Amino acid sequence: MTGFILCKCNLTSDEIHAQKDAALSSIRAQRDALLQKTDGTQAADNPSSKKQLWATYRQKLRDLPKTIV
């Protein structure tokens, strides 16, 4: 299995949920930073020909937490 690390763990349900919540929080923080870095791409005075591509990218970032839960 490529891309997966398997281990035997004796985690409680609460510990599993806590780890999942921490991982999602980290993903959201990284996502928020990427959104903030690309805010300027959607400014009204930005004549960028790639504005729609940036808009699609930013929407995928916003949707990311929902796609991995």
N, C-alpha and C. Protein backbone atom coordinates (compact mmCIF):
# COMPACT_ATOMS: atom_id res chain seq x y z
N MET A 1 0.84 -1.18 0.00
CA MET A 1 0.00 0.00 0.00
C MET A 1 0.88 1.24 0.00
N THR A 2 0.88 1.95 -1.05
CA THR A 2 1.69 3.15 -1.16
C THR A 2 0.94 4.33 -0.56
N GLY A 3 1.66 5.15 0.24
CA GLY A 3 1.07 6.34 0.80
C GLY A 3 0.40 6.18 2.14
N PHE A 4 0.41 4.98 2.67
CA PHE A 4 -0.22 4.76 3.96
C PHE A 4 0.81 4.21 4.94
N ILE A 5 0.71 4.66 6.17
CA ILE A 5 1.54 4.11 7.24
C ILE A 5 0.60 3.39 8.19
N LEU A 6 0.79 2.14 8.32
CA LEU A 6 -0.06 1.35 9.20
C LEU A 6 0.68 1.05 10.50
N CYS A 7 -0.03 1.13 11.58
CA CYS A 7 0.57 0.80 12.86
C CYS A 7 -0.51 0.20 13.76
N LYS A 8 -0.06 -0.58 14.70
CA LYS A 8 -0.97 -1.08 15.71
C LYS A 8 -0.99 -0.07 16.83
N CYS A 9 -2.13 0.47 17.05
CA CYS A 9 -2.26 1.49 18.10
C CYS A 9 -3.41 1.10 19.01
N ASN A 10 -3.24 1.41 20.23
CA ASN A 10 -4.30 1.16 21.22
C ASN A 10 -4.90 2.50 21.64
N LEU A 11 -5.54 3.15 20.69
CA LEU A 11 -6.13 4.45 20.97
C LEU A 11 -7.60 4.29 21.31
N THR A 12 -8.03 5.11 22.23
CA THR A 12 -9.45 5.13 22.56
C THR A 12 -10.18 5.93 21.49
N SER A 13 -11.48 5.81 21.47
CA SER A 13 -12.29 6.56 20.53
C SER A 13 -12.07 8.07 20.71
N ASP A 14 -11.97 8.50 21.95
CA ASP A 14 -11.74 9.93 22.23
C ASP A 14 -10.39 10.38 21.68
N GLU A 15 -9.37 9.54 21.81
CA GLU A 15 -8.04 9.88 21.30
C GLU A 15 -8.03 9.96 19.77
N ILE A 16 -8.75 9.05 19.14
CA ILE A 16 -8.85 9.05 17.68
C ILE A 16 -9.54 10.34 17.22
N HIS A 17 -10.64 10.69 17.88
CA HIS A 17 -11.35 11.92 17.52
C HIS A 17 -10.48 13.15 17.76
N ALA A 18 -9.71 13.15 18.84
CA ALA A 18 -8.83 14.28 19.14
C ALA A 18 -7.75 14.43 18.06
N GLN A 19 -7.19 13.30 17.62
CA GLN A 19 -6.18 13.35 16.57
C GLN A 19 -6.78 13.81 15.25
N LYS A 20 -7.98 13.35 14.95
CA LYS A 20 -8.66 13.77 13.73
C LYS A 20 -8.94 15.27 13.79
N ASP A 21 -9.44 15.75 14.92
CA ASP A 21 -9.73 17.17 15.08
C ASP A 21 -8.46 18.01 14.94
N ALA A 22 -7.35 17.54 15.49
CA ALA A 22 -6.08 18.26 15.40
C ALA A 22 -5.61 18.30 13.95
N ALA A 23 -5.74 17.19 13.25
CA ALA A 23 -5.32 17.15 11.84
C ALA A 23 -6.18 18.10 11.00
N LEU A 24 -7.49 18.09 11.21
CA LEU A 24 -8.38 18.98 10.46
C LEU A 24 -8.10 20.45 10.78
N SER A 25 -7.78 20.72 12.03
CA SER A 25 -7.44 22.08 12.42
C SER A 25 -6.17 22.55 11.71
N SER A 26 -5.20 21.68 11.61
CA SER A 26 -3.95 22.00 10.91
C SER A 26 -4.22 22.24 9.42
N ILE A 27 -5.04 21.40 8.82
CA ILE A 27 -5.38 21.56 7.41
C ILE A 27 -6.10 22.88 7.18
N ARG A 28 -7.04 23.21 8.07
CA ARG A 28 -7.77 24.47 7.93
C ARG A 28 -6.84 25.67 8.07
N ALA A 29 -5.89 25.60 8.99
CA ALA A 29 -4.95 26.70 9.18
C ALA A 29 -4.09 26.89 7.93
N GLN A 30 -3.63 25.80 7.35
CA GLN A 30 -2.84 25.89 6.12
C GLN A 30 -3.69 26.42 4.97
N ARG A 31 -4.92 25.93 4.90
CA ARG A 31 -5.86 26.40 3.87
C ARG A 31 -6.11 27.89 4.02
N ASP A 32 -6.36 28.34 5.24
CA ASP A 32 -6.61 29.76 5.49
C ASP A 32 -5.43 30.63 5.08
N ALA A 33 -4.22 30.15 5.34
CA ALA A 33 -3.02 30.89 4.95
C ALA A 33 -2.93 30.99 3.43
N LEU A 34 -3.23 29.90 2.73
CA LEU A 34 -3.21 29.93 1.26
C LEU A 34 -4.28 30.86 0.70
N LEU A 35 -5.46 30.85 1.31
CA LEU A 35 -6.51 31.76 0.87
C LEU A 35 -6.09 33.22 1.08
N GLN A 36 -5.49 33.49 2.21
CA GLN A 36 -5.05 34.86 2.51
C GLN A 36 -3.99 35.31 1.51
N LYS A 37 -3.08 34.42 1.16
CA LYS A 37 -2.02 34.76 0.20
C LYS A 37 -2.57 35.06 -1.19
N THR A 38 -3.73 34.51 -1.50
CA THR A 38 -4.29 34.69 -2.84
C THR A 38 -5.48 35.65 -2.87
N ASP A 39 -5.72 36.36 -1.78
CA ASP A 39 -6.83 37.32 -1.74
C ASP A 39 -6.74 38.33 -2.88
N GLY A 40 -5.55 38.82 -3.17
CA GLY A 40 -5.36 39.86 -4.18
C GLY A 40 -5.74 39.42 -5.59
N THR A 41 -5.79 38.13 -5.82
CA THR A 41 -6.12 37.65 -7.16
C THR A 41 -7.57 37.91 -7.53
N GLN A 42 -8.41 38.21 -6.53
CA GLN A 42 -9.84 38.40 -6.78
C GLN A 42 -10.28 39.86 -6.62
N ALA A 43 -9.33 40.75 -6.46
CA ALA A 43 -9.66 42.17 -6.32
C ALA A 43 -10.34 42.68 -7.59
N ALA A 44 -11.28 43.58 -7.41
CA ALA A 44 -12.04 44.12 -8.55
C ALA A 44 -11.13 44.80 -9.56
N ASP A 45 -10.06 45.42 -9.09
CA ASP A 45 -9.18 46.14 -10.01
C ASP A 45 -8.07 45.25 -10.59
N ASN A 46 -8.14 43.96 -10.33
CA ASN A 46 -7.14 43.04 -10.87
C ASN A 46 -7.59 42.56 -12.25
N PRO A 47 -6.91 43.00 -13.29
CA PRO A 47 -7.31 42.61 -14.65
C PRO A 47 -6.73 41.25 -15.07
N SER A 48 -6.30 40.49 -14.13
CA SER A 48 -5.63 39.23 -14.44
C SER A 48 -6.48 38.34 -15.35
N SER A 49 -5.85 37.84 -16.39
CA SER A 49 -6.55 36.92 -17.29
C SER A 49 -6.74 35.55 -16.65
N LYS A 50 -6.08 35.34 -15.54
CA LYS A 50 -6.20 34.05 -14.85
C LYS A 50 -7.09 34.14 -13.62
N LYS A 51 -7.89 35.17 -13.54
CA LYS A 51 -8.74 35.40 -12.36
C LYS A 51 -9.68 34.21 -12.11
N GLN A 52 -10.28 33.65 -13.16
CA GLN A 52 -11.20 32.53 -12.98
C GLN A 52 -10.45 31.29 -12.50
N LEU A 53 -9.24 31.08 -12.97
CA LEU A 53 -8.44 29.94 -12.49
C LEU A 53 -8.16 30.08 -11.00
N TRP A 54 -7.83 31.31 -10.58
CA TRP A 54 -7.60 31.55 -9.16
C TRP A 54 -8.88 31.34 -8.36
N ALA A 55 -10.00 31.77 -8.92
CA ALA A 55 -11.28 31.61 -8.22
C ALA A 55 -11.60 30.13 -8.02
N THR A 56 -11.33 29.32 -9.04
CA THR A 56 -11.56 27.88 -8.94
C THR A 56 -10.64 27.26 -7.89
N TYR A 57 -9.38 27.65 -7.91
CA TYR A 57 -8.40 27.16 -6.92
C TYR A 57 -8.86 27.52 -5.51
N ARG A 58 -9.28 28.77 -5.33
CA ARG A 58 -9.70 29.21 -4.00
C ARG A 58 -10.96 28.48 -3.54
N GLN A 59 -11.88 28.18 -4.46
CA GLN A 59 -13.08 27.43 -4.08
C GLN A 59 -12.72 26.02 -3.66
N LYS A 60 -11.78 25.40 -4.36
CA LYS A 60 -11.33 24.06 -3.99
C LYS A 60 -10.68 24.07 -2.61
N LEU A 61 -9.96 25.13 -2.29
CA LEU A 61 -9.38 25.26 -0.95
C LEU A 61 -10.49 25.35 0.10
N ARG A 62 -11.51 26.16 -0.19
CA ARG A 62 -12.61 26.30 0.76
C ARG A 62 -13.35 24.98 0.97
N ASP A 63 -13.47 24.20 -0.09
CA ASP A 63 -14.19 22.92 -0.02
C ASP A 63 -13.35 21.80 0.59
N LEU A 64 -12.06 22.01 0.71
CA LEU A 64 -11.16 20.92 1.15
C LEU A 64 -11.56 20.23 2.43
N PRO A 65 -11.86 20.94 3.51
CA PRO A 65 -12.22 20.20 4.74
C PRO A 65 -13.42 19.27 4.57
N LYS A 66 -14.38 19.69 3.75
CA LYS A 66 -15.57 18.85 3.52
C LYS A 66 -15.23 17.59 2.74
N THR A 67 -14.20 17.66 1.90
CA THR A 67 -13.88 16.52 1.05
C THR A 67 -13.05 15.47 1.75
N ILE A 68 -12.49 15.79 2.92
CA ILE A 68 -11.62 14.82 3.60
C ILE A 68 -12.21 14.31 4.91
N VAL A 69 -13.36 14.79 5.28
CA VAL A 69 -13.96 14.36 6.55
C VAL A 69 -14.53 12.98 6.44
